[in-house]
Amino acid sequence: MLLLVLLLQAVLLLLALPNHAEVTMAEGSEVLLPPSKETCAGWMAGIPGHPGHNGTPGRDGRDGAAGEKGEKGDAGLLGPKGETGDVGVTGAEGPRGFPGIPGRKGEPGEGAYVYRSAFSVGLETRVTVPSVPIRFTKIFYNQQNHYDSSTGKFYCNIPGVYYFSYHITVYMKDVKVSLFKKDKAVLFTYDQYQEKNVDQASGSVLLHLEVGDQVWLQVYGDGDNNGLYADNVNDSTFTGFLLYHDTN
């Protein structure tokens, strides 16, 4: 049926063409045109045909050539912070670095050896001689033997700072004692005796000593101030010890 319609349209198209025309060509040649529709008295236009079906889609064309690189765009807005990831595997140990710059020299430290020098002695008899060292013969502590009970003197064996103190019981007479260092009195203590009573007198001092220095106590004067006293219930004592030794 479709084929018949197509044939009919072709016939009607041929009938509609003109039948008289002359076309002059180059070099005097002539071409006859088909007769016009006026030569056919019974010509009528045909019925319009139905639209044809869509053809099948064609194949995709080839990819075009790459265009030029565009300009760099503006940076986008900072996105939200992501979640903390898992801890990664510990990496291999890196190569050893170069030695650092040496630090400043530190302060001199204390030696491993502990320096000790101390004594504590007391008076055993009330008999003392003026202007000579008082001999304290009751030994409370003298492990290093730096105090000599035969002379009443302390002998410095370790240079440094020492603390010395004395506590005197006063009875029957006034007391004036002095602490000597290298034949020079550096400290004085005076107590005036109160009749029918026992008094107390004391003194203390810090001294720096060199090796060989001597320290002792003695009654100052000609004997009128010789009221030192000691018995089984009253003591007169002399004490000294090293606070810290010299580091140089």
Protein backbone atom coordinates (compact mmCIF):
# COMPACT_ATOMS: atom_id res chain seq x y z
CA MET A 1 0.00 0.00 0.00
CA LEU A 2 2.79 2.38 0.91
CA LEU A 3 4.57 1.53 -2.35
CA LEU A 4 1.44 2.31 -4.38
CA VAL A 5 1.07 5.71 -2.77
CA LEU A 6 4.66 6.56 -3.55
CA LEU A 7 4.27 5.60 -7.23
CA LEU A 8 1.14 7.72 -7.51
CA GLN A 9 2.94 10.76 -6.09
CA ALA A 10 5.75 10.33 -8.62
CA VAL A 11 3.31 10.26 -11.57
CA LEU A 12 1.50 13.34 -10.37
CA LEU A 13 4.82 15.16 -9.97
CA LEU A 14 5.79 14.39 -13.59
CA LEU A 15 2.46 15.65 -14.82
CA ALA A 16 2.85 18.91 -12.96
CA LEU A 17 6.15 19.84 -14.69
CA PRO A 18 5.99 22.52 -17.63
CA ASN A 19 6.09 21.18 -21.23
CA HIS A 20 7.44 24.22 -23.15
CA ALA A 21 10.80 25.85 -22.38
CA GLU A 22 13.91 26.70 -24.19
CA VAL A 23 17.21 27.20 -22.68
CA THR A 24 20.01 28.59 -24.74
CA MET A 25 23.32 26.94 -23.89
CA ALA A 26 26.81 27.83 -24.88
CA GLU A 27 27.84 27.34 -28.59
CA GLY A 28 24.15 27.32 -29.87
CA SER A 29 22.99 24.05 -28.27
CA GLU A 30 19.34 23.71 -27.14
CA VAL A 31 17.72 21.69 -24.32
CA LEU A 32 14.03 20.77 -24.38
CA LEU A 33 12.12 21.13 -21.10
CA PRO A 34 9.30 18.81 -20.14
CA PRO A 35 5.78 19.98 -21.12
CA SER A 36 3.96 22.25 -18.66
CA LYS A 37 0.81 21.33 -16.83
CA GLU A 38 -1.21 23.52 -19.26
CA THR A 39 -0.93 20.82 -21.98
CA CYS A 40 -2.96 18.41 -19.78
CA ALA A 41 -6.58 19.47 -19.48
CA GLY A 42 -7.49 16.97 -16.80
CA TRP A 43 -4.57 17.68 -14.29
CA MET A 44 -5.35 17.55 -10.61
CA ALA A 45 -3.08 17.75 -7.51
CA GLY A 46 -2.59 14.50 -5.64
CA ILE A 47 -3.47 13.81 -2.05
CA PRO A 48 -0.60 14.78 0.37
CA GLY A 49 1.27 11.77 1.65
CA HIS A 50 1.82 10.77 5.23
CA PRO A 51 5.00 11.92 7.03
CA GLY A 52 7.78 9.40 6.88
CA HIS A 53 9.20 7.57 9.88
CA ASN A 54 12.20 8.91 11.78
CA GLY A 55 15.41 7.40 10.64
CA THR A 56 17.78 5.52 12.94
CA PRO A 57 20.22 7.72 14.97
CA GLY A 58 23.57 8.25 13.35
CA ARG A 59 26.90 7.18 14.87
CA ASP A 60 28.73 9.38 17.37
CA GLY A 61 31.18 11.76 15.78
CA ARG A 62 34.89 11.81 16.56
CA ASP A 63 36.17 13.57 19.69
CA GLY A 64 37.09 17.18 19.08
CA ALA A 65 40.60 18.57 19.68
CA ALA A 66 41.44 19.60 23.28
CA GLY A 67 40.84 23.28 23.95
CA GLU A 68 43.31 25.72 25.49
CA LYS A 69 43.88 25.62 29.27
CA GLY A 70 41.69 28.11 31.05
CA GLU A 71 42.80 30.66 33.64
CA LYS A 72 43.19 29.57 37.28
CA GLY A 73 40.00 30.08 39.19
CA ASP A 74 39.59 31.69 42.60
CA ALA A 75 40.16 29.56 45.69
CA GLY A 76 37.03 28.01 47.05
CA LEU A 77 35.70 28.45 50.58
CA LEU A 78 37.41 26.47 53.34
CA GLY A 79 35.47 23.32 54.03
CA PRO A 80 34.61 21.99 57.48
CA LYS A 81 37.30 20.17 59.45
CA GLY A 82 37.27 16.46 58.84
CA GLU A 83 37.22 13.78 61.47
CA THR A 84 40.46 12.74 63.11
CA GLY A 85 41.97 9.82 61.30
CA ASP A 86 43.37 6.67 62.82
CA VAL A 87 46.92 6.68 64.11
CA GLY A 88 49.28 5.50 61.45
CA VAL A 89 51.87 2.79 61.74
CA THR A 90 55.13 3.88 63.36
CA GLY A 91 57.67 4.62 60.69
CA ALA A 92 61.19 3.34 60.51
CA GLU A 93 63.84 5.07 62.62
CA GLY A 94 65.47 7.92 60.76
CA PRO A 95 69.19 8.49 60.38
CA ARG A 96 71.14 9.91 63.31
CA GLY A 97 71.32 13.71 63.33
CA PHE A 98 74.37 15.91 63.57
CA PRO A 99 75.77 16.71 67.05
CA GLY A 100 74.27 19.81 68.65
CA ILE A 101 76.12 22.91 69.81
CA PRO A 102 77.78 22.35 73.22
CA GLY A 103 75.96 24.01 76.11
CA ARG A 104 77.39 26.45 78.62
CA LYS A 105 79.68 25.17 81.31
CA GLY A 106 77.78 24.31 84.47
CA GLU A 107 78.51 25.40 87.99
CA PRO A 108 81.07 23.33 89.90
CA GLY A 109 79.33 20.47 91.63
CA GLU A 110 79.97 18.90 94.97
CA GLY A 111 82.50 16.13 95.04
CA ALA A 112 81.54 12.59 95.86
CA TYR A 113 83.60 12.80 99.02
CA VAL A 114 81.73 14.10 102.08
CA TYR A 115 83.83 16.46 104.16
CA ARG A 116 83.32 16.17 107.92
CA SER A 117 84.78 18.13 110.79
CA ALA A 118 82.98 18.57 114.11
CA PHE A 119 83.50 18.45 117.86
CA SER A 120 81.54 19.00 121.07
CA VAL A 121 83.32 19.03 124.46
CA GLY A 122 82.64 20.04 128.06
CA LEU A 123 84.42 21.26 131.17
CA GLU A 124 85.18 18.62 133.82
CA THR A 125 86.70 20.85 136.50
CA ARG A 126 86.00 24.35 137.72
CA VAL A 127 89.71 25.17 137.85
CA THR A 128 90.70 27.30 134.83
CA VAL A 129 93.77 29.40 134.21
CA PRO A 130 93.35 32.97 132.85
CA SER A 131 94.89 34.06 129.52
CA VAL A 132 95.49 30.51 128.27
CA PRO A 133 93.18 28.17 126.32
CA ILE A 134 90.49 26.50 128.45
CA ARG A 135 90.96 22.74 128.34
CA PHE A 136 87.58 21.09 127.80
CA THR A 137 88.30 17.44 128.53
CA LYS A 138 84.79 15.96 128.62
CA ILE A 139 84.37 14.65 125.07
CA PHE A 140 80.83 14.45 123.66
CA TYR A 141 81.91 14.13 120.02
CA ASN A 142 85.34 14.29 118.37
CA GLN A 143 85.34 11.53 115.78
CA GLN A 144 87.73 13.30 113.38
CA ASN A 145 90.06 14.27 116.30
CA HIS A 146 90.26 17.84 115.04
CA TYR A 147 89.93 19.08 118.64
CA ASP A 148 92.94 18.49 120.89
CA SER A 149 91.88 18.06 124.54
CA SER A 150 95.50 18.37 125.70
CA THR A 151 95.76 21.95 124.40
CA GLY A 152 92.07 22.97 124.36
CA LYS A 153 92.39 24.03 120.70
CA PHE A 154 90.51 23.13 117.51
CA TYR A 155 92.81 22.63 114.49
CA CYS A 156 91.39 23.27 111.01
CA ASN A 157 92.09 20.41 108.56
CA ILE A 158 89.48 21.32 105.92
CA PRO A 159 89.23 24.92 104.62
CA GLY A 160 85.74 26.36 104.73
CA VAL A 161 83.12 28.06 106.90
CA TYR A 162 82.69 26.83 110.48
CA TYR A 163 80.13 27.47 113.18
CA PHE A 164 81.34 27.77 116.80
CA SER A 165 79.28 28.14 119.96
CA TYR A 166 79.82 27.93 123.74
CA HIS A 167 77.58 27.71 126.77
CA ILE A 168 79.10 28.71 130.14
CA THR A 169 77.79 28.11 133.66
CA VAL A 170 78.71 31.04 135.94
CA TYR A 171 79.18 30.63 139.70
CA MET A 172 80.96 32.48 142.52
CA LYS A 173 82.61 35.08 140.22
CA ASP A 174 81.94 37.17 137.19
CA VAL A 175 82.86 35.63 133.85
CA LYS A 176 84.44 37.20 130.80
CA VAL A 177 85.52 34.78 128.10
CA SER A 178 86.78 35.35 124.57
CA LEU A 179 86.94 33.17 121.46
CA PHE A 180 90.31 33.30 119.73
CA LYS A 181 91.31 32.64 116.12
CA LYS A 182 95.02 32.65 115.29
CA ASP A 183 96.07 34.49 118.50
CA LYS A 184 93.39 37.17 118.07
CA ALA A 185 90.18 37.51 120.10
CA VAL A 186 87.18 37.70 117.75
CA LEU A 187 84.27 37.36 120.23
CA PHE A 188 83.70 38.39 123.87
CA THR A 189 81.05 37.34 126.39
CA TYR A 190 80.65 38.88 129.87
CA ASP A 191 78.31 37.78 132.68
CA GLN A 192 78.06 39.46 136.11
CA TYR A 193 77.54 36.93 138.84
CA GLN A 194 74.44 37.26 141.02
CA GLU A 195 75.14 36.20 144.62
CA LYS A 196 73.71 32.86 145.74
CA ASN A 197 72.61 32.00 142.23
CA VAL A 198 73.94 30.17 139.14
CA ASP A 199 74.07 32.20 135.92
CA GLN A 200 74.42 31.18 132.28
CA ALA A 201 76.39 32.85 129.47
CA SER A 202 76.72 31.89 125.82
CA GLY A 203 77.99 33.02 122.45
CA SER A 204 78.23 31.85 118.82
CA VAL A 205 79.95 32.92 115.59
CA LEU A 206 80.63 31.90 111.97
CA LEU A 207 84.28 31.90 110.88
CA HIS A 208 86.10 31.10 107.68
CA LEU A 209 89.19 29.02 108.37
CA GLU A 210 92.17 27.97 106.34
CA VAL A 211 94.10 24.75 106.90
CA GLY A 212 96.22 25.14 110.04
CA ASP A 213 94.06 27.84 111.70
CA GLN A 214 93.36 27.31 115.43
CA VAL A 215 90.28 28.27 117.45
CA TRP A 216 89.88 28.14 121.25
CA LEU A 217 88.25 29.75 124.31
CA GLN A 218 90.06 31.39 127.21
CA VAL A 219 89.30 33.54 130.25
CA TYR A 220 89.96 37.17 129.43
CA GLY A 221 91.88 39.24 131.97
CA ASP A 222 93.97 38.53 135.06
CA GLY A 223 91.67 36.09 136.85
CA ASP A 224 89.06 38.38 138.46
CA ASN A 225 86.56 37.22 135.78
CA ASN A 226 87.17 33.52 136.17
CA GLY A 227 83.78 32.29 137.32
CA LEU A 228 83.44 29.30 134.94
CA TYR A 229 81.81 26.40 136.70
CA ALA A 230 80.94 22.74 136.07
CA ASP A 231 79.81 19.81 138.20
CA ASN A 232 77.72 16.69 137.78
CA VAL A 233 74.54 18.71 137.12
CA ASN A 234 75.95 21.85 135.45
CA ASP A 235 77.99 21.93 132.26
CA SER A 236 80.10 24.45 130.40
CA THR A 237 80.45 23.38 126.76
CA PHE A 238 82.34 24.30 123.57
CA THR A 239 81.14 23.15 120.10
CA GLY A 240 82.18 23.68 116.49
CA PHE A 241 81.52 22.09 113.08
CA LEU A 242 82.08 22.60 109.34
CA LEU A 243 79.14 24.14 107.47
CA TYR A 244 80.61 23.84 103.96
CA HIS A 245 84.11 23.42 102.59
CA ASP A 246 85.88 25.58 100.03
CA THR A 247 85.46 24.38 96.44
CA ASN A 248 88.55 26.12 95.03
